[in-house]
Protein backbone atom coordinates (compact mmCIF):
# COMPACT_ATOMS: atom_id res chain seq x y z
CA MET A 1 -126.28 -97.18 102.14
CA SER A 2 -125.38 -97.11 98.43
CA ARG A 3 -124.12 -100.25 96.77
CA PRO A 4 -120.49 -100.27 95.62
CA ALA A 5 -120.01 -99.71 91.90
CA ARG A 6 -119.67 -102.88 89.88
CA ALA A 7 -116.20 -103.46 88.43
CA THR A 8 -116.01 -102.91 84.68
CA ALA A 9 -113.77 -104.23 81.92
CA LYS A 10 -112.03 -100.86 82.01
CA ASP A 11 -111.15 -101.44 85.67
CA VAL A 12 -109.73 -104.87 84.84
CA ALA A 13 -107.70 -103.39 81.98
CA ARG A 14 -106.27 -100.70 84.25
CA ALA A 15 -105.41 -103.17 87.01
CA SER A 16 -103.72 -105.65 84.67
CA GLY A 17 -101.96 -103.05 82.51
CA VAL A 18 -103.53 -104.08 79.18
CA SER A 19 -106.12 -102.72 76.76
CA GLN A 20 -109.86 -103.30 77.15
CA THR A 21 -109.76 -105.24 73.89
CA THR A 22 -107.23 -107.65 75.42
CA VAL A 23 -109.46 -108.02 78.48
CA SER A 24 -112.37 -108.88 76.19
CA PHE A 25 -110.30 -111.44 74.31
CA VAL A 26 -109.20 -113.16 77.51
CA LEU A 27 -112.45 -113.11 79.50
CA ASN A 28 -114.63 -114.01 76.53
CA GLY A 29 -112.42 -116.99 75.74
CA ALA A 30 -111.61 -115.79 72.23
CA SER A 31 -108.48 -116.95 70.46
CA GLY A 32 -105.83 -114.37 69.70
CA HIS A 33 -102.18 -113.49 70.04
CA VAL A 34 -102.24 -113.04 73.83
CA SER A 35 -99.52 -114.68 75.90
CA GLN A 36 -100.38 -117.11 78.66
CA GLU A 37 -98.75 -114.79 81.20
CA THR A 38 -100.97 -111.90 80.11
CA ARG A 39 -104.09 -114.09 80.15
CA GLU A 40 -103.36 -115.15 83.71
CA ARG A 41 -102.70 -111.55 84.80
CA VAL A 42 -106.07 -110.44 83.36
CA ARG A 43 -107.93 -113.33 85.01
CA GLN A 44 -106.26 -112.58 88.34
CA ALA A 45 -107.23 -108.91 88.15
CA ALA A 46 -110.82 -109.87 87.29
CA ARG A 47 -110.99 -112.22 90.29
CA GLU A 48 -109.58 -109.62 92.67
CA LEU A 49 -111.99 -106.94 91.45
CA GLY A 50 -114.98 -109.27 91.38
CA TYR A 51 -115.61 -108.50 87.72
CA VAL A 52 -118.63 -110.23 86.16
CA PRO A 53 -119.30 -109.81 82.38
CA ASN A 54 -122.64 -108.20 81.69
CA GLY A 55 -125.59 -110.03 80.22
CA SER A 56 -125.12 -108.71 76.70
CA ALA A 57 -121.59 -110.07 76.50
CA GLN A 58 -122.83 -113.46 77.68
CA ALA A 59 -125.60 -113.35 75.10
CA LEU A 60 -123.03 -112.73 72.38
CA ARG A 61 -120.92 -115.70 73.42
CA LYS A 62 -123.99 -117.94 73.53
CA GLY A 63 -125.57 -116.52 70.38
CA ALA A 64 -127.77 -119.06 68.69
CA SER A 65 -127.68 -117.51 65.23
CA ARG A 66 -124.92 -117.57 62.65
CA ILE A 67 -124.79 -113.79 62.32
CA VAL A 68 -121.67 -111.71 62.96
CA LEU A 69 -122.10 -107.94 63.30
CA LEU A 70 -119.53 -105.48 61.99
CA ASN A 71 -119.83 -101.86 63.13
CA ILE A 72 -117.86 -99.44 60.92
CA GLU A 73 -119.13 -96.17 62.37
CA GLY A 74 -116.70 -93.36 61.55
CA ILE A 75 -114.33 -95.51 59.46
CA PRO A 76 -113.68 -94.09 55.95
CA THR A 77 -115.00 -96.45 53.28
CA GLY A 78 -111.78 -96.66 51.29
CA SER A 79 -110.08 -99.53 49.51
CA SER A 80 -108.68 -101.10 52.68
CA LEU A 81 -112.04 -101.25 54.42
CA GLY A 82 -113.71 -102.69 51.35
CA SER A 83 -111.05 -105.39 51.06
CA TYR A 84 -111.29 -106.09 54.77
CA ILE A 85 -115.06 -106.61 54.54
CA ARG A 86 -114.64 -108.91 51.51
CA GLY A 87 -112.15 -111.07 53.39
CA LEU A 88 -114.28 -111.09 56.53
CA ASP A 89 -117.43 -111.97 54.61
CA ALA A 90 -115.75 -114.73 52.59
CA GLU A 91 -114.22 -116.41 55.62
CA LEU A 92 -117.47 -116.24 57.59
CA ALA A 93 -119.37 -117.69 54.62
CA ALA A 94 -116.87 -120.55 54.49
CA HIS A 95 -117.97 -121.40 58.04
CA GLN A 96 -121.69 -120.94 57.32
CA HIS A 97 -122.01 -117.53 58.96
CA VAL A 98 -123.54 -114.31 57.65
CA LEU A 99 -122.01 -110.83 57.99
CA LEU A 100 -124.26 -107.89 58.92
CA VAL A 101 -122.59 -104.48 58.51
CA LEU A 102 -123.79 -101.48 60.57
CA HIS A 103 -122.92 -97.98 59.31
CA GLY A 104 -124.84 -95.56 61.52
CA HIS A 105 -123.99 -93.99 64.85
CA LEU A 106 -124.88 -96.41 67.64
CA SER A 107 -124.44 -96.03 71.37
CA SER A 108 -122.92 -98.91 73.29
CA GLN A 109 -126.39 -99.88 74.52
CA ALA A 110 -127.91 -99.67 71.03
CA LEU A 111 -125.19 -101.89 69.62
CA SER A 112 -125.75 -104.37 72.42
CA ASP A 113 -129.52 -104.29 71.75
CA VAL A 114 -128.99 -105.04 68.06
CA ALA A 115 -126.64 -107.89 68.91
CA GLN A 116 -129.18 -109.43 71.26
CA ALA A 117 -132.06 -108.91 68.82
CA VAL A 118 -130.35 -111.05 66.17
CA SER A 119 -128.65 -113.37 68.70
CA ALA A 120 -125.32 -112.41 67.16
CA ARG A 121 -122.53 -114.94 67.37
CA ALA A 122 -119.99 -112.10 67.65
CA VAL A 123 -119.55 -108.35 67.22
CA ILE A 124 -116.56 -106.71 65.59
CA ASP A 125 -116.66 -103.04 66.52
CA LEU A 126 -114.33 -100.84 64.47
CA GLY A 127 -116.21 -97.75 65.58
CA ASP A 128 -115.03 -97.73 69.18
CA ALA A 129 -112.36 -100.06 70.51
CA GLY A 130 -113.32 -99.12 74.05
CA ARG A 131 -116.61 -101.04 74.06
CA ALA A 132 -115.00 -104.12 75.52
CA ASP A 133 -118.26 -105.69 76.68
CA VAL A 134 -119.57 -106.09 73.14
CA ILE A 135 -116.38 -106.67 71.17
CA ALA A 136 -115.51 -110.16 70.03
CA THR A 137 -112.38 -108.79 68.42
CA GLY A 138 -111.41 -105.16 68.24
CA ALA A 139 -107.84 -105.86 67.15
CA SER A 140 -108.73 -104.99 63.56
CA LEU A 141 -108.88 -101.32 64.49
CA ASP A 142 -105.16 -101.37 65.21
CA VAL A 143 -104.39 -103.04 61.89
CA PHE A 144 -105.61 -100.06 59.86
CA SER A 145 -103.42 -97.76 61.93
CA ALA A 146 -100.31 -99.76 62.74
CA GLN A 147 -98.42 -99.41 59.43
CA ALA A 148 -96.76 -96.13 60.36
CA ASP A 149 -93.19 -97.45 60.27
CA VAL A 150 -93.38 -98.38 56.56
CA PRO A 151 -93.93 -94.85 55.13
CA VAL A 152 -91.65 -93.31 57.77
CA ARG A 153 -88.78 -95.57 56.68
CA TYR A 154 -89.55 -94.75 53.05
CA LEU A 155 -89.28 -91.01 53.69
CA VAL A 156 -86.17 -91.34 55.85
CA ASP A 157 -84.46 -93.30 53.08
CA ARG A 158 -85.13 -90.32 50.81
CA GLY A 159 -83.47 -87.89 53.15
CA HIS A 160 -86.43 -86.45 55.06
CA ARG A 161 -85.74 -85.60 58.71
CA HIS A 162 -88.78 -83.50 59.59
CA ILE A 163 -92.13 -85.19 58.92
CA ALA A 164 -95.62 -83.91 59.73
CA ASN A 165 -98.75 -85.97 60.32
CA ALA A 166 -101.84 -84.67 58.47
CA MET A 167 -105.01 -85.40 60.45
CA PRO A 168 -108.69 -84.67 59.77
CA ASP A 169 -110.62 -82.25 61.95
CA THR A 170 -113.75 -84.42 61.67
CA PRO A 171 -114.88 -85.39 65.21
CA GLU A 172 -116.08 -88.90 64.29
CA LEU A 173 -112.62 -89.79 62.98
CA GLN A 174 -110.64 -88.58 65.97
CA ALA A 175 -110.28 -91.95 67.73
CA LEU A 176 -108.69 -93.68 64.76
CA ALA A 177 -106.76 -90.59 63.67
CA GLY A 178 -105.41 -90.19 67.21
CA LEU A 179 -104.22 -93.79 67.22
CA ARG A 180 -102.44 -93.30 63.90
CA GLU A 181 -100.84 -90.09 65.20
CA ARG A 182 -99.40 -91.90 68.23
CA LEU A 183 -98.02 -94.67 66.04
CA ILE A 184 -96.47 -92.23 63.57
CA ARG A 185 -94.86 -90.33 66.44
CA GLN A 186 -93.48 -93.60 67.77
CA ALA A 187 -92.13 -94.53 64.33
CA THR A 188 -90.43 -91.16 63.88
CA ARG A 189 -88.84 -91.40 67.33
CA THR A 190 -87.59 -94.90 66.55
CA ALA A 191 -86.06 -93.52 63.35
CA GLY A 192 -84.24 -90.87 65.40
CA LEU A 193 -86.22 -87.97 63.96
CA ALA A 194 -87.50 -84.82 65.60
CA ASP A 195 -91.01 -84.80 67.02
CA CYS A 196 -93.75 -85.10 64.42
CA PRO A 197 -96.05 -82.02 64.40
CA ALA A 198 -99.73 -82.48 63.59
CA LEU A 199 -101.23 -80.71 60.57
CA VAL A 200 -104.98 -80.71 61.21
CA LEU A 201 -106.76 -80.10 57.92
CA PRO A 202 -110.46 -79.49 57.22
CA ALA A 203 -112.07 -81.03 54.14
CA SER A 204 -112.84 -77.59 52.69
CA LEU A 205 -110.12 -76.61 50.23
CA GLY A 206 -110.17 -72.92 51.11
CA ALA A 207 -109.88 -73.61 54.82
CA ALA A 208 -107.18 -76.21 54.16
CA GLU A 209 -105.15 -73.63 52.24
CA ASP A 210 -105.28 -71.24 55.19
CA ARG A 211 -104.32 -73.99 57.63
CA LEU A 212 -101.44 -75.20 55.44
CA ARG A 213 -100.12 -71.67 54.95
CA ALA A 214 -100.09 -71.09 58.71
CA PHE A 215 -98.51 -74.49 59.34
CA ARG A 216 -95.70 -73.81 56.85
CA ALA A 217 -94.95 -70.50 58.55
CA GLU A 218 -94.81 -72.21 61.95
CA HIS A 219 -92.89 -75.30 60.79
CA PRO A 220 -90.64 -74.31 57.85
CA GLU A 221 -88.39 -77.27 58.61
CA VAL A 222 -91.02 -79.86 57.61
CA THR A 223 -90.28 -81.44 54.22
CA ALA A 224 -92.80 -84.33 54.16
CA VAL A 225 -96.38 -85.07 55.20
CA LEU A 226 -97.90 -88.43 56.11
CA ALA A 227 -101.65 -88.12 55.65
CA TYR A 228 -104.34 -89.98 57.60
CA ASN A 229 -105.73 -91.37 54.35
CA ASP A 230 -105.63 -90.77 50.59
CA ASP A 231 -108.53 -88.31 50.68
CA LEU A 232 -106.72 -86.04 53.12
CA ALA A 233 -103.49 -86.43 51.14
CA LEU A 234 -105.29 -85.19 48.02
CA VAL A 235 -106.68 -82.22 49.96
CA THR A 236 -103.09 -81.46 50.97
CA LEU A 237 -101.88 -81.64 47.35
CA ALA A 238 -104.72 -79.44 46.12
CA ALA A 239 -104.02 -76.84 48.81
CA MET A 240 -100.32 -76.94 47.96
CA ARG A 241 -101.03 -76.33 44.27
CA ASN A 242 -103.20 -73.30 45.07
CA LEU A 243 -100.40 -71.94 47.27
CA GLY A 244 -97.81 -72.41 44.53
CA LEU A 245 -96.08 -75.32 46.28
CA ARG A 246 -94.79 -78.39 44.43
CA ALA A 247 -94.75 -82.03 45.48
CA PRO A 248 -92.32 -83.50 46.23
CA GLU A 249 -89.90 -80.58 45.72
CA ASP A 250 -91.40 -78.29 48.37
CA LEU A 251 -93.30 -80.90 50.36
CA ALA A 252 -93.49 -84.66 49.85
CA VAL A 253 -96.94 -86.15 50.48
CA VAL A 254 -97.77 -89.80 51.28
CA GLY A 255 -101.33 -91.10 51.65
CA PHE A 256 -102.72 -94.27 53.18
CA ASP A 257 -105.23 -96.77 51.76
CA ASP A 258 -104.20 -97.05 48.07
CA THR A 259 -107.54 -95.82 46.73
CA PRO A 260 -107.89 -95.78 42.91
CA HIS A 261 -108.36 -92.03 42.55
CA GLY A 262 -104.92 -91.33 44.06
CA ALA A 263 -103.28 -92.50 40.83
CA LEU A 264 -105.43 -90.09 38.77
CA PHE A 265 -104.30 -86.91 40.53
CA SER A 266 -101.41 -84.77 39.27
CA PRO A 267 -98.92 -85.36 40.77
CA ALA A 268 -100.00 -88.99 41.27
CA LEU A 269 -100.24 -89.84 44.95
CA THR A 270 -97.68 -92.01 46.72
CA THR A 271 -99.60 -94.13 49.21
CA VAL A 272 -99.49 -97.16 51.53
CA HIS A 273 -101.15 -100.47 50.67
CA ILE A 274 -102.09 -103.10 53.26
CA ASP A 275 -103.36 -106.65 52.77
CA ALA A 276 -106.74 -105.86 54.28
CA GLU A 277 -108.54 -108.86 52.80
CA ALA A 278 -106.26 -111.29 54.62
CA ILE A 279 -106.68 -109.24 57.79
CA GLY A 280 -110.46 -109.59 57.41
CA ARG A 281 -110.16 -113.37 57.13
CA ILE A 282 -108.07 -113.48 60.29
CA ALA A 283 -110.62 -111.29 62.11
CA ALA A 284 -113.43 -113.66 61.05
CA ARG A 285 -111.64 -116.70 62.43
CA SER A 286 -110.84 -114.86 65.64
CA ALA A 287 -114.48 -113.80 66.05
CA LEU A 288 -115.57 -117.42 65.67
CA GLY A 289 -112.93 -118.67 68.10
CA LEU A 290 -111.07 -120.57 65.38
CA PRO A 291 -107.28 -120.91 65.10
CA ALA A 292 -105.57 -118.28 62.97
CA PRO A 293 -104.86 -119.40 59.39
CA ASP A 294 -101.40 -120.65 58.47
CA THR A 295 -100.83 -117.79 56.04
CA THR A 296 -100.10 -114.27 57.24
CA PRO A 297 -101.03 -110.98 55.56
CA GLU A 298 -98.55 -109.55 53.10
CA PRO A 299 -96.42 -106.78 54.64
CA ALA A 300 -97.58 -103.22 54.11
CA ARG A 301 -95.82 -101.53 51.21
CA VAL A 302 -95.45 -98.07 49.74
CA ILE A 303 -96.95 -97.57 46.28
CA VAL A 304 -94.41 -95.16 44.83
CA ARG A 305 -95.76 -92.45 42.54
CA GLN A 306 -94.91 -88.80 41.95
CA SER A 307 -95.92 -87.01 45.19
CA ALA A 308 -93.07 -88.40 47.34
């Protein structure tokens, strides 16, 4: 007779009605903004399901070294990520830890093998928030995607009532782009706007022109675009220029990440800036099980330029 399948962190998350990242926080004993009621609900679900963390997760918690791994697979290396890594590295260094950044594609098992090979103190996995067994803190993934309400309010204040969400068609970015899309849709609903259609754009300018032309024909009511990041916003502006469209007169465009080259384009790109360095410091303290710092990150803000 076959043995029953072992309960996983995903099962615990489903039973307790929380994310796998929250399950990891609670069962790994990490500090974080999780209420006592939620912690108890997760522990109760784990007891009822007979969940036992796997050996790699235990190895991470008991890691003998002072190395923290950061996996950034699929995350664009823009200004926010660079600032985040600087803050993370500086805070870890202040507590005598070393940051090791992984860029390549790694399976869950490969990431676990690397962590065990270096006896990692913790793993911060921005590449896949679903790998709960090897995540010390995956909350940072949400931070890069959760600022949707700021640009939505900015556009609403300027009279826009139909906003599109420009997303990349790159497969490795779909998890993060999908999260941002859901948050933008939520922000537009909260603002009382119509549903937010998705404008999926390839990186190729010619293909982007064709996609934008078809999108405009299908959604003539859209007057503004919130792009996944500054790079995609600039692709949108370049495609608009080749189609004879003006920003912001025909279509307002807002990027995300406040990369330096956005200010050099014509029209200069309006974008969203986040305090990623402070977020990195908070992630470092959370990964080490330390209390959060007294200071909080500065609120996200729109860098107003010519495109919107």
